[in-house]
N, C-alpha and C. Protein backbone atom coordinates (compact mmCIF):
# COMPACT_ATOMS: atom_id res chain seq x y z
N UNK A 1 -15.70 -88.92 -220.28
CA UNK A 1 -15.91 -87.94 -219.00
C UNK A 1 -16.89 -86.87 -219.36
N UNK A 2 -17.13 -86.52 -220.57
CA UNK A 2 -17.98 -85.16 -220.87
C UNK A 2 -19.43 -85.99 -220.43
N UNK A 3 -19.60 -87.31 -220.86
CA UNK A 3 -20.83 -87.54 -220.22
C UNK A 3 -21.11 -87.67 -218.91
N UNK A 4 -20.03 -87.97 -218.07
CA UNK A 4 -20.17 -87.99 -216.60
C UNK A 4 -20.52 -86.49 -216.20
N UNK A 5 -19.81 -85.52 -216.72
CA UNK A 5 -19.87 -84.26 -216.17
C UNK A 5 -21.31 -83.70 -216.54
N UNK A 6 -21.87 -84.09 -217.75
CA UNK A 6 -23.06 -83.67 -218.03
C UNK A 6 -24.12 -84.24 -217.09
N UNK A 7 -23.97 -85.57 -216.87
CA UNK A 7 -24.80 -86.20 -215.86
C UNK A 7 -24.77 -85.58 -214.47
N UNK A 8 -23.52 -85.17 -214.07
CA UNK A 8 -23.15 -84.78 -212.56
C UNK A 8 -23.91 -83.30 -212.63
N UNK A 9 -23.99 -82.44 -213.88
CA UNK A 9 -24.47 -81.23 -214.10
C UNK A 9 -25.80 -81.27 -214.00
N UNK A 10 -26.57 -82.58 -214.63
CA UNK A 10 -27.96 -82.71 -214.51
C UNK A 10 -28.55 -83.05 -213.17
N UNK A 11 -27.75 -83.97 -212.30
CA UNK A 11 -28.20 -84.25 -211.11
C UNK A 11 -27.88 -83.29 -210.08
N UNK A 12 -27.02 -82.23 -210.27
CA UNK A 12 -26.79 -80.84 -209.30
C UNK A 12 -28.09 -79.93 -209.77
N UNK A 13 -28.50 -79.97 -211.00
CA UNK A 13 -29.62 -79.34 -211.30
C UNK A 13 -30.82 -79.82 -210.72
N UNK A 14 -31.02 -81.02 -210.71
CA UNK A 14 -32.22 -81.95 -210.16
C UNK A 14 -32.25 -81.72 -208.50
N UNK A 15 -31.09 -81.68 -208.07
CA UNK A 15 -31.01 -81.54 -206.91
C UNK A 15 -31.26 -79.95 -206.63
N UNK A 16 -31.00 -79.18 -207.10
CA UNK A 16 -31.31 -77.69 -206.78
C UNK A 16 -32.88 -77.39 -207.14
N UNK A 17 -33.34 -78.09 -208.01
CA UNK A 17 -34.74 -78.04 -208.47
C UNK A 17 -35.39 -78.63 -207.18
N UNK A 18 -35.03 -79.58 -206.63
CA UNK A 18 -35.75 -80.46 -205.38
C UNK A 18 -35.59 -79.53 -204.09
N UNK A 19 -34.64 -79.15 -204.21
CA UNK A 19 -34.56 -78.05 -202.95
C UNK A 19 -35.30 -76.71 -203.19
N UNK A 20 -35.36 -76.33 -204.13
CA UNK A 20 -36.06 -75.22 -204.63
C UNK A 20 -37.45 -75.45 -204.57
N UNK A 21 -37.99 -76.71 -205.14
CA UNK A 21 -39.35 -77.20 -204.83
C UNK A 21 -39.85 -77.22 -203.69
N UNK A 22 -39.19 -77.91 -202.84
CA UNK A 22 -39.38 -78.11 -201.42
C UNK A 22 -39.58 -76.61 -200.66
N UNK A 23 -38.58 -75.71 -200.99
CA UNK A 23 -38.64 -74.50 -200.23
C UNK A 23 -39.87 -73.74 -200.84
N UNK A 24 -40.19 -73.86 -202.24
CA UNK A 24 -41.38 -73.37 -202.74
C UNK A 24 -42.70 -73.92 -202.13
N UNK A 25 -42.64 -75.05 -201.94
CA UNK A 25 -43.72 -76.21 -201.12
C UNK A 25 -43.94 -75.45 -199.69
N UNK A 26 -42.60 -75.02 -198.99
CA UNK A 26 -42.95 -74.51 -197.59
C UNK A 26 -43.47 -73.23 -197.80
N UNK A 27 -42.96 -72.41 -198.62
CA UNK A 27 -43.62 -70.98 -198.60
C UNK A 27 -45.14 -70.97 -199.06
N UNK A 28 -45.34 -72.05 -200.01
CA UNK A 28 -46.91 -72.26 -200.74
C UNK A 28 -47.68 -72.42 -199.31
N UNK A 29 -47.35 -73.55 -198.53
CA UNK A 29 -48.10 -73.86 -197.42
C UNK A 29 -48.30 -72.51 -196.40
N UNK A 30 -47.03 -72.06 -196.17
CA UNK A 30 -47.30 -70.54 -195.26
C UNK A 30 -48.13 -69.73 -195.88
N UNK A 31 -48.14 -69.53 -197.38
CA UNK A 31 -48.81 -68.39 -197.87
C UNK A 31 -50.37 -68.74 -197.83
N UNK A 32 -50.47 -70.13 -197.87
CA UNK A 32 -51.87 -70.85 -197.75
C UNK A 32 -52.44 -70.36 -196.42
N UNK A 33 -51.53 -70.64 -195.38
CA UNK A 33 -51.97 -70.32 -193.77
C UNK A 33 -52.29 -68.78 -193.55
N UNK A 34 -51.11 -68.15 -194.25
CA UNK A 34 -51.58 -66.49 -193.88
C UNK A 34 -52.85 -66.23 -194.78
N UNK A 35 -53.08 -66.84 -195.90
CA UNK A 35 -54.42 -66.45 -196.75
C UNK A 35 -55.53 -66.60 -195.86
N UNK A 36 -55.59 -68.02 -195.09
CA UNK A 36 -56.61 -68.35 -194.32
C UNK A 36 -56.95 -67.46 -193.28
N UNK A 37 -55.70 -67.30 -192.81
CA UNK A 37 -55.65 -66.43 -191.56
C UNK A 37 -56.34 -65.02 -191.95
N UNK A 38 -55.85 -64.30 -193.02
CA UNK A 38 -56.43 -63.24 -193.48
C UNK A 38 -58.04 -62.91 -193.73
N UNK A 39 -58.32 -64.49 -194.51
CA UNK A 39 -59.93 -64.60 -194.39
C UNK A 39 -60.46 -64.71 -192.94
N UNK A 40 -60.00 -65.31 -192.36
CA UNK A 40 -60.58 -65.46 -190.92
C UNK A 40 -60.50 -63.91 -190.24
N UNK A 41 -59.61 -63.17 -190.09
CA UNK A 41 -59.57 -61.99 -189.86
C UNK A 41 -60.45 -61.03 -190.25
N UNK A 42 -60.91 -61.03 -191.79
CA UNK A 42 -61.55 -60.38 -192.38
C UNK A 42 -63.07 -60.77 -191.80
N UNK A 43 -63.37 -61.89 -191.66
CA UNK A 43 -64.68 -62.38 -190.93
C UNK A 43 -64.89 -61.73 -189.68
N UNK A 44 -63.70 -61.94 -188.82
CA UNK A 44 -63.89 -61.42 -187.52
C UNK A 44 -64.12 -59.76 -187.52
N UNK A 45 -63.56 -59.12 -188.41
CA UNK A 45 -63.53 -57.62 -188.49
C UNK A 45 -65.00 -57.25 -189.23
N UNK A 46 -65.67 -58.12 -189.97
CA UNK A 46 -66.88 -58.03 -190.30
C UNK A 46 -67.69 -58.42 -189.06
N UNK A 47 -67.88 -59.07 -188.27
CA UNK A 47 -68.29 -59.32 -187.24
C UNK A 47 -68.31 -58.08 -186.09
N UNK A 48 -67.13 -57.69 -186.05
CA UNK A 48 -66.72 -56.87 -184.89
C UNK A 48 -67.65 -55.30 -185.45
N UNK A 49 -67.54 -55.14 -186.81
CA UNK A 49 -68.34 -53.96 -187.31
C UNK A 49 -69.83 -54.17 -187.08
N UNK A 50 -70.31 -55.54 -187.53
CA UNK A 50 -71.73 -55.29 -187.09
C UNK A 50 -72.17 -55.35 -185.72
N UNK A 51 -71.35 -56.01 -184.84
CA UNK A 51 -71.64 -55.80 -183.28
C UNK A 51 -71.52 -54.45 -183.00
N UNK A 52 -70.55 -53.76 -183.42
CA UNK A 52 -70.43 -52.06 -183.18
C UNK A 52 -71.71 -51.50 -183.69
N UNK A 53 -72.06 -51.89 -185.02
CA UNK A 53 -73.44 -51.27 -185.54
C UNK A 53 -74.62 -51.67 -184.53
N UNK A 54 -74.73 -52.90 -184.25
CA UNK A 54 -75.78 -52.95 -182.98
C UNK A 54 -75.77 -52.18 -181.87
N UNK A 55 -74.52 -52.09 -181.51
CA UNK A 55 -74.48 -51.28 -179.90
C UNK A 55 -74.54 -49.98 -180.32
N UNK A 56 -74.41 -49.44 -181.56
CA UNK A 56 -74.71 -47.99 -181.80
C UNK A 56 -76.07 -47.76 -181.81
N UNK A 57 -76.94 -48.88 -182.58
CA UNK A 57 -78.33 -48.57 -182.60
C UNK A 57 -78.85 -48.96 -180.95
N UNK A 58 -78.27 -49.68 -180.24
CA UNK A 58 -78.80 -49.94 -178.87
C UNK A 58 -78.43 -48.66 -178.09
N UNK A 59 -77.20 -47.91 -178.31
CA UNK A 59 -77.05 -46.74 -177.86
C UNK A 59 -77.81 -45.66 -178.16
N UNK A 60 -78.54 -45.59 -179.22
CA UNK A 60 -79.27 -44.45 -179.86
C UNK A 60 -80.67 -44.79 -179.36
N UNK A 61 -80.90 -45.99 -179.34
CA UNK A 61 -82.33 -46.33 -178.52
C UNK A 61 -82.19 -45.99 -177.10
N UNK A 62 -81.26 -46.30 -176.63
CA UNK A 62 -81.24 -45.67 -175.33
C UNK A 62 -81.31 -44.00 -175.07
N UNK A 63 -80.45 -43.38 -176.24
CA UNK A 63 -80.31 -42.02 -176.09
C UNK A 63 -82.03 -41.51 -176.16
N UNK A 64 -82.56 -42.31 -177.03
CA UNK A 64 -84.12 -41.72 -177.36
C UNK A 64 -85.10 -42.06 -176.18
N UNK A 65 -84.66 -43.03 -175.50
CA UNK A 65 -85.30 -43.28 -174.43
C UNK A 65 -85.09 -42.29 -173.36
N UNK A 66 -83.84 -41.95 -173.16
CA UNK A 66 -83.48 -40.75 -172.26
C UNK A 66 -84.13 -39.45 -172.67
N UNK A 67 -84.16 -39.12 -173.81
CA UNK A 67 -84.65 -38.01 -174.31
C UNK A 67 -86.22 -38.11 -174.00
N UNK A 68 -86.86 -39.05 -174.25
CA UNK A 68 -88.52 -39.14 -174.05
C UNK A 68 -88.46 -39.09 -172.51
N UNK A 69 -87.80 -39.50 -171.68
CA UNK A 69 -87.91 -39.48 -170.27
C UNK A 69 -87.69 -38.00 -169.91
N UNK A 70 -86.76 -37.20 -170.60
CA UNK A 70 -86.57 -35.95 -169.96
C UNK A 70 -87.68 -35.15 -170.69
N UNK A 71 -88.21 -35.41 -171.70
CA UNK A 71 -89.61 -34.75 -172.13
C UNK A 71 -90.60 -34.78 -171.16
N UNK A 72 -90.67 -36.50 -170.79
CA UNK A 72 -91.71 -36.52 -169.59
C UNK A 72 -91.43 -35.71 -168.36
N UNK A 73 -90.42 -35.59 -167.93
CA UNK A 73 -90.13 -34.89 -166.81
C UNK A 73 -90.47 -33.48 -167.17
N UNK A 74 -90.29 -32.76 -168.08
CA UNK A 74 -90.16 -31.42 -168.42
C UNK A 74 -91.75 -31.23 -168.27
N UNK A 75 -92.58 -32.09 -168.93
CA UNK A 75 -94.03 -32.09 -169.15
C UNK A 75 -94.62 -32.20 -167.65
N UNK A 76 -94.00 -33.02 -166.97
CA UNK A 76 -94.38 -33.07 -165.31
C UNK A 76 -94.12 -31.92 -164.52
N UNK A 77 -92.81 -31.44 -164.90
CA UNK A 77 -92.60 -30.14 -164.01
C UNK A 77 -93.36 -29.28 -164.40
N UNK A 78 -93.78 -28.99 -165.64
CA UNK A 78 -94.79 -28.07 -166.10
C UNK A 78 -96.03 -28.10 -165.34
N UNK A 79 -96.71 -29.31 -165.42
CA UNK A 79 -97.69 -29.79 -164.92
C UNK A 79 -97.87 -29.37 -163.40
N UNK A 80 -96.74 -30.09 -163.11
CA UNK A 80 -96.95 -29.62 -161.21
C UNK A 80 -96.84 -28.11 -160.88
N UNK A 81 -95.96 -27.37 -161.78
CA UNK A 81 -95.96 -26.13 -161.62
C UNK A 81 -97.35 -25.31 -161.93
N UNK A 82 -97.82 -25.79 -162.94
CA UNK A 82 -99.33 -25.26 -163.25
C UNK A 82 -100.19 -25.64 -162.06
N UNK A 83 -100.17 -26.91 -161.70
CA UNK A 83 -101.27 -27.33 -160.50
C UNK A 83 -100.88 -26.53 -159.20
N UNK A 84 -99.74 -26.20 -158.97
CA UNK A 84 -99.32 -25.39 -157.78
C UNK A 84 -99.91 -23.85 -157.76
N UNK A 85 -99.72 -23.29 -159.11
CA UNK A 85 -100.27 -22.08 -159.35
C UNK A 85 -101.79 -22.11 -159.20
N UNK A 86 -102.43 -23.09 -159.82
CA UNK A 86 -104.01 -23.19 -159.75
C UNK A 86 -104.08 -23.39 -158.35
N UNK A 87 -103.61 -24.31 -157.49
CA UNK A 87 -103.92 -24.56 -156.21
C UNK A 87 -103.70 -23.24 -155.32
N UNK A 88 -102.67 -22.19 -155.67
CA UNK A 88 -102.22 -21.05 -154.94
C UNK A 88 -103.51 -20.15 -155.22
N UNK A 89 -103.99 -20.30 -156.55
CA UNK A 89 -105.05 -19.18 -156.78
C UNK A 89 -106.32 -19.58 -155.96
N UNK A 90 -106.59 -20.80 -156.13
CA UNK A 90 -107.77 -21.23 -155.42
C UNK A 90 -107.56 -21.22 -153.75
N UNK A 91 -106.27 -21.52 -153.33
CA UNK A 91 -106.31 -21.10 -151.89
C UNK A 91 -106.48 -19.80 -151.24
N UNK A 92 -105.94 -18.74 -152.48
CA UNK A 92 -106.10 -17.35 -152.14
C UNK A 92 -107.47 -17.13 -152.27
N UNK A 93 -108.24 -17.67 -153.52
CA UNK A 93 -109.68 -17.24 -153.50
C UNK A 93 -110.41 -17.95 -152.17
N UNK A 94 -110.06 -19.33 -151.61
CA UNK A 94 -110.75 -19.42 -150.43
C UNK A 94 -110.53 -18.89 -149.22
N UNK A 95 -109.20 -18.15 -149.31
CA UNK A 95 -108.86 -17.44 -148.16
C UNK A 95 -109.66 -15.87 -148.16
N UNK A 96 -109.86 -15.67 -149.34
CA UNK A 96 -110.82 -14.39 -149.36
C UNK A 96 -112.27 -14.57 -149.09
N UNK A 97 -112.78 -15.68 -149.64
CA UNK A 97 -114.14 -16.08 -149.10
C UNK A 97 -114.15 -16.53 -147.69
N UNK A 98 -113.05 -16.84 -147.25
CA UNK A 98 -113.48 -17.44 -145.65
C UNK A 98 -113.16 -15.95 -144.74
N UNK A 99 -112.36 -14.89 -145.36
CA UNK A 99 -112.45 -13.76 -144.76
C UNK A 99 -113.60 -12.90 -145.00
N UNK A 100 -114.32 -13.00 -145.95
CA UNK A 100 -115.52 -12.37 -146.18
C UNK A 100 -116.71 -13.28 -145.09
N UNK A 101 -116.46 -14.48 -144.92
CA UNK A 101 -117.56 -15.20 -144.42
C UNK A 101 -117.54 -14.94 -142.81
N UNK A 102 -116.41 -14.86 -142.30
CA UNK A 102 -116.16 -14.83 -140.89
C UNK A 102 -116.81 -13.43 -140.33
N UNK A 103 -116.56 -12.23 -141.00
CA UNK A 103 -117.29 -11.36 -140.21
C UNK A 103 -119.00 -11.40 -140.29
N UNK A 104 -119.33 -11.96 -141.39
CA UNK A 104 -120.73 -12.11 -141.67
C UNK A 104 -121.47 -12.99 -140.91
N UNK A 105 -120.48 -14.26 -140.59
CA UNK A 105 -121.22 -15.19 -139.52
C UNK A 105 -121.13 -14.57 -138.15
N UNK A 106 -120.10 -13.90 -137.80
CA UNK A 106 -120.11 -13.20 -136.48
C UNK A 106 -121.21 -12.17 -136.27
N UNK A 107 -121.46 -11.36 -137.43
CA UNK A 107 -122.75 -10.62 -137.52
C UNK A 107 -123.98 -11.32 -137.15
N UNK A 108 -124.16 -12.42 -138.03
CA UNK A 108 -125.46 -13.09 -137.92
C UNK A 108 -125.44 -13.80 -136.68
N UNK A 109 -124.27 -14.45 -135.94
CA UNK A 109 -124.52 -15.03 -134.62
C UNK A 109 -124.88 -14.06 -133.66
N UNK A 110 -124.52 -12.77 -133.78
CA UNK A 110 -124.75 -11.63 -132.90
C UNK A 110 -126.07 -11.47 -132.96
N UNK A 111 -126.47 -11.21 -134.38
CA UNK A 111 -127.99 -10.93 -134.35
C UNK A 111 -128.82 -12.14 -133.80
N UNK A 112 -128.51 -13.14 -133.97
CA UNK A 112 -129.22 -14.42 -133.54
C UNK A 112 -129.25 -14.38 -131.99
N UNK A 113 -128.13 -14.08 -131.47
CA UNK A 113 -128.03 -14.20 -130.04
C UNK A 113 -129.03 -13.02 -129.53
N UNK A 114 -129.14 -11.80 -130.00
CA UNK A 114 -129.77 -10.92 -129.46
C UNK A 114 -131.42 -11.38 -129.53
N UNK A 115 -131.88 -12.16 -130.49
CA UNK A 115 -133.00 -12.97 -130.33
C UNK A 115 -133.33 -13.85 -129.62
N UNK A 116 -132.17 -14.49 -128.76
CA UNK A 116 -132.03 -15.51 -128.07
C UNK A 116 -132.04 -17.07 -128.98
N UNK A 117 -131.49 -16.88 -130.11
CA UNK A 117 -131.31 -18.19 -130.66
C UNK A 117 -129.80 -18.35 -130.45
N UNK A 118 -129.58 -19.87 -131.01
CA UNK A 118 -128.45 -20.47 -130.75
C UNK A 118 -127.37 -19.78 -131.77
N UNK A 119 -126.07 -19.94 -131.66
CA UNK A 119 -125.29 -19.56 -132.80
C UNK A 119 -125.23 -20.58 -133.85
N UNK A 120 -124.82 -20.31 -135.02
CA UNK A 120 -124.64 -21.35 -136.17
C UNK A 120 -123.48 -22.00 -135.78
N UNK A 121 -123.48 -23.14 -136.40
CA UNK A 121 -122.06 -23.85 -135.98
C UNK A 121 -121.02 -23.46 -136.94
N UNK A 122 -119.80 -23.48 -136.45
CA UNK A 122 -118.60 -23.06 -137.17
C UNK A 122 -118.44 -24.04 -138.66
N UNK A 123 -117.69 -23.64 -139.47
CA UNK A 123 -117.28 -24.12 -140.92
C UNK A 123 -117.00 -25.50 -140.69
N UNK A 124 -115.87 -25.63 -139.64
CA UNK A 124 -115.08 -27.18 -139.44
C UNK A 124 -116.15 -27.82 -138.67
N UNK A 125 -116.99 -27.36 -137.76
CA UNK A 125 -117.95 -28.14 -137.28
C UNK A 125 -119.12 -28.61 -138.30
N UNK A 126 -119.45 -28.08 -139.25
CA UNK A 126 -120.54 -28.17 -140.03
C UNK A 126 -120.09 -29.28 -141.00
N UNK A 127 -119.11 -29.00 -141.97
CA UNK A 127 -118.29 -29.90 -142.85
C UNK A 127 -116.82 -30.01 -142.72
N UNK A 128 -116.62 -31.27 -142.81
CA UNK A 128 -115.15 -31.44 -142.81
C UNK A 128 -114.52 -30.74 -144.17
N UNK A 129 -115.10 -30.55 -145.36
CA UNK A 129 -114.85 -30.25 -146.65
C UNK A 129 -114.37 -28.62 -146.42
N UNK A 130 -115.25 -28.05 -145.64
CA UNK A 130 -115.01 -26.84 -145.49
C UNK A 130 -113.74 -26.23 -144.79
N UNK A 131 -113.13 -27.15 -143.96
CA UNK A 131 -112.18 -26.93 -143.26
C UNK A 131 -110.95 -26.54 -144.03
N UNK A 132 -110.21 -25.50 -143.85
CA UNK A 132 -108.90 -25.23 -144.53
C UNK A 132 -107.68 -25.82 -144.08
N UNK A 133 -107.68 -26.80 -143.45
CA UNK A 133 -106.76 -27.75 -142.64
C UNK A 133 -106.12 -28.38 -143.91
N UNK A 134 -107.08 -29.43 -144.31
CA UNK A 134 -106.36 -30.14 -145.41
C UNK A 134 -105.68 -29.64 -146.46
N UNK A 135 -106.28 -28.30 -147.02
CA UNK A 135 -105.51 -27.85 -148.26
C UNK A 135 -104.10 -27.16 -147.64
N UNK A 136 -104.02 -26.87 -146.41
CA UNK A 136 -102.92 -26.56 -146.00
C UNK A 136 -101.86 -27.45 -146.12
N UNK A 137 -102.06 -28.74 -145.55
CA UNK A 137 -101.27 -30.01 -145.55
C UNK A 137 -100.79 -30.18 -146.98
N UNK A 138 -101.66 -30.01 -147.99
CA UNK A 138 -101.13 -30.46 -149.39
C UNK A 138 -100.18 -29.35 -149.76
N UNK A 139 -100.55 -28.00 -149.40
CA UNK A 139 -99.62 -27.15 -150.01
C UNK A 139 -98.34 -27.11 -149.37
N UNK A 140 -98.15 -27.30 -147.98
CA UNK A 140 -96.91 -27.59 -147.48
C UNK A 140 -96.02 -28.37 -147.65
N UNK A 141 -96.71 -29.76 -148.25
CA UNK A 141 -96.21 -31.04 -148.68
C UNK A 141 -95.47 -30.80 -150.03
N UNK A 142 -96.40 -30.00 -150.97
CA UNK A 142 -95.82 -29.88 -152.29
C UNK A 142 -94.92 -28.80 -152.52
N UNK A 143 -95.38 -27.65 -151.88
CA UNK A 143 -94.67 -26.42 -152.49
C UNK A 143 -93.51 -25.91 -151.36
N UNK A 144 -93.94 -26.66 -150.26
CA UNK A 144 -92.95 -26.04 -149.04
C UNK A 144 -93.70 -24.84 -148.25
N UNK A 145 -94.64 -24.51 -148.63
CA UNK A 145 -95.25 -23.42 -148.05
C UNK A 145 -95.92 -23.78 -146.79
N UNK A 146 -95.94 -22.84 -145.71
CA UNK A 146 -96.57 -22.86 -144.49
C UNK A 146 -97.50 -21.94 -144.50
N UNK A 147 -98.74 -22.15 -144.39
CA UNK A 147 -99.74 -21.00 -144.42
C UNK A 147 -100.47 -21.41 -143.21
N UNK A 148 -99.76 -20.70 -142.20
CA UNK A 148 -100.29 -21.07 -140.76
C UNK A 148 -101.57 -20.23 -140.38
N UNK A 149 -101.74 -19.38 -141.26
CA UNK A 149 -102.79 -18.53 -141.12
C UNK A 149 -104.30 -19.11 -141.29
N UNK A 150 -104.39 -20.06 -142.65
CA UNK A 150 -105.39 -20.77 -142.91
C UNK A 150 -105.57 -22.04 -141.86
N UNK A 151 -104.53 -22.49 -141.67
CA UNK A 151 -104.55 -23.69 -140.72
C UNK A 151 -104.87 -23.63 -139.34
N UNK A 152 -104.70 -22.30 -138.99
CA UNK A 152 -104.93 -22.03 -137.51
C UNK A 152 -106.34 -22.14 -137.02
N UNK A 153 -106.70 -22.60 -136.09
CA UNK A 153 -108.17 -22.70 -135.93
C UNK A 153 -108.25 -21.45 -134.82
N UNK A 154 -109.48 -20.84 -134.85
CA UNK A 154 -109.67 -19.86 -134.25
C UNK A 154 -109.36 -19.85 -132.97
N UNK A 155 -108.95 -18.87 -132.14
CA UNK A 155 -108.60 -18.72 -130.69
C UNK A 155 -109.74 -18.18 -129.92
N UNK A 156 -109.71 -18.52 -128.99
CA UNK A 156 -110.72 -17.87 -127.97
C UNK A 156 -110.27 -16.53 -127.43
N UNK A 157 -111.33 -15.67 -127.63
CA UNK A 157 -110.92 -14.18 -127.21
C UNK A 157 -110.52 -14.21 -125.60
N UNK A 158 -109.93 -13.17 -125.34
CA UNK A 158 -109.82 -12.90 -123.77
C UNK A 158 -110.78 -12.62 -122.85
N UNK A 159 -112.08 -12.20 -123.64
CA UNK A 159 -113.07 -11.89 -122.75
C UNK A 159 -113.93 -13.50 -122.60
N UNK A 160 -113.57 -14.55 -123.07
CA UNK A 160 -114.18 -15.96 -123.00
C UNK A 160 -113.78 -16.22 -121.36
N UNK A 161 -114.53 -16.65 -120.76
CA UNK A 161 -114.33 -17.25 -119.28
C UNK A 161 -113.80 -18.41 -119.26
N UNK A 162 -112.87 -18.63 -118.49
CA UNK A 162 -112.09 -19.85 -118.16
C UNK A 162 -113.24 -20.92 -117.76
N UNK A 163 -112.60 -22.23 -117.98
CA UNK A 163 -113.68 -23.34 -117.58
C UNK A 163 -113.03 -23.68 -116.10
N UNK A 164 -113.77 -24.65 -115.71
CA UNK A 164 -113.29 -25.12 -114.42
C UNK A 164 -112.04 -25.78 -114.25
N UNK A 165 -111.26 -26.37 -115.39
CA UNK A 165 -109.94 -26.66 -115.04
C UNK A 165 -108.89 -25.63 -115.64
N UNK A 166 -109.47 -24.35 -115.92
CA UNK A 166 -108.44 -23.51 -116.04
C UNK A 166 -108.26 -23.02 -117.43
N UNK A 167 -108.70 -23.87 -118.61
CA UNK A 167 -108.41 -23.54 -120.00
C UNK A 167 -109.71 -22.71 -120.31
N UNK A 168 -109.27 -21.92 -121.44
CA UNK A 168 -110.49 -21.04 -122.18
C UNK A 168 -111.27 -22.07 -123.08
N UNK A 169 -112.57 -21.75 -123.12
CA UNK A 169 -113.23 -22.22 -124.10
C UNK A 169 -114.66 -21.51 -124.50
N UNK A 170 -114.94 -21.88 -125.49
CA UNK A 170 -116.41 -21.22 -125.89
C UNK A 170 -117.37 -21.69 -125.09
N UNK A 171 -117.67 -21.06 -124.13
CA UNK A 171 -118.70 -21.56 -123.12
C UNK A 171 -119.99 -21.07 -123.59
N UNK A 172 -120.03 -19.62 -124.19
CA UNK A 172 -121.37 -19.21 -124.98
C UNK A 172 -121.94 -20.38 -125.72
N UNK A 173 -121.18 -21.11 -126.52
CA UNK A 173 -121.84 -22.24 -127.37
C UNK A 173 -122.33 -23.16 -126.58
N UNK A 174 -121.77 -23.60 -125.17
CA UNK A 174 -122.17 -24.53 -124.56
C UNK A 174 -123.57 -24.36 -123.88
N UNK A 175 -123.44 -23.03 -123.49
CA UNK A 175 -124.69 -22.32 -122.71
C UNK A 175 -125.65 -22.20 -123.43
N UNK A 176 -125.73 -21.98 -124.69
CA UNK A 176 -126.97 -21.48 -125.71
C UNK A 176 -127.46 -22.78 -126.27
């Protein structure tokens, strides 16, 4: 009987070893699956970090591009401002020259008329380049200024006779 009991004890031990081995195999399989999942997640995390680095590099490239665009805009604003200043100076200089020219031309025309000569043609009749009207359009379009004094064509004086249809015109020029 002692042998039987010893054999039963050994069988119980073998049964326990078998159960524990099966339990150990199940845990080992779960551990292997968890380890593979861990490695997979580490690979994914590494890929995510690489993608994040690429996105940050792309962002920095766009930030640099925007910085360059802003720098170009600032340069263009300064260029436009300088050009407007230059244009205003030239326009003022042109206005002064025109103001000097008008009385001198009127005086020369008056002297020519006393000698029976024809009046000299007006600037706008001589050359289109000497007309101040195109400069006026440029100024008003880019700076918002309206320089009506330069753009206005000289009006006929009250002493100028009316034409046959009733409008005033410079008949002296037509008559001479």
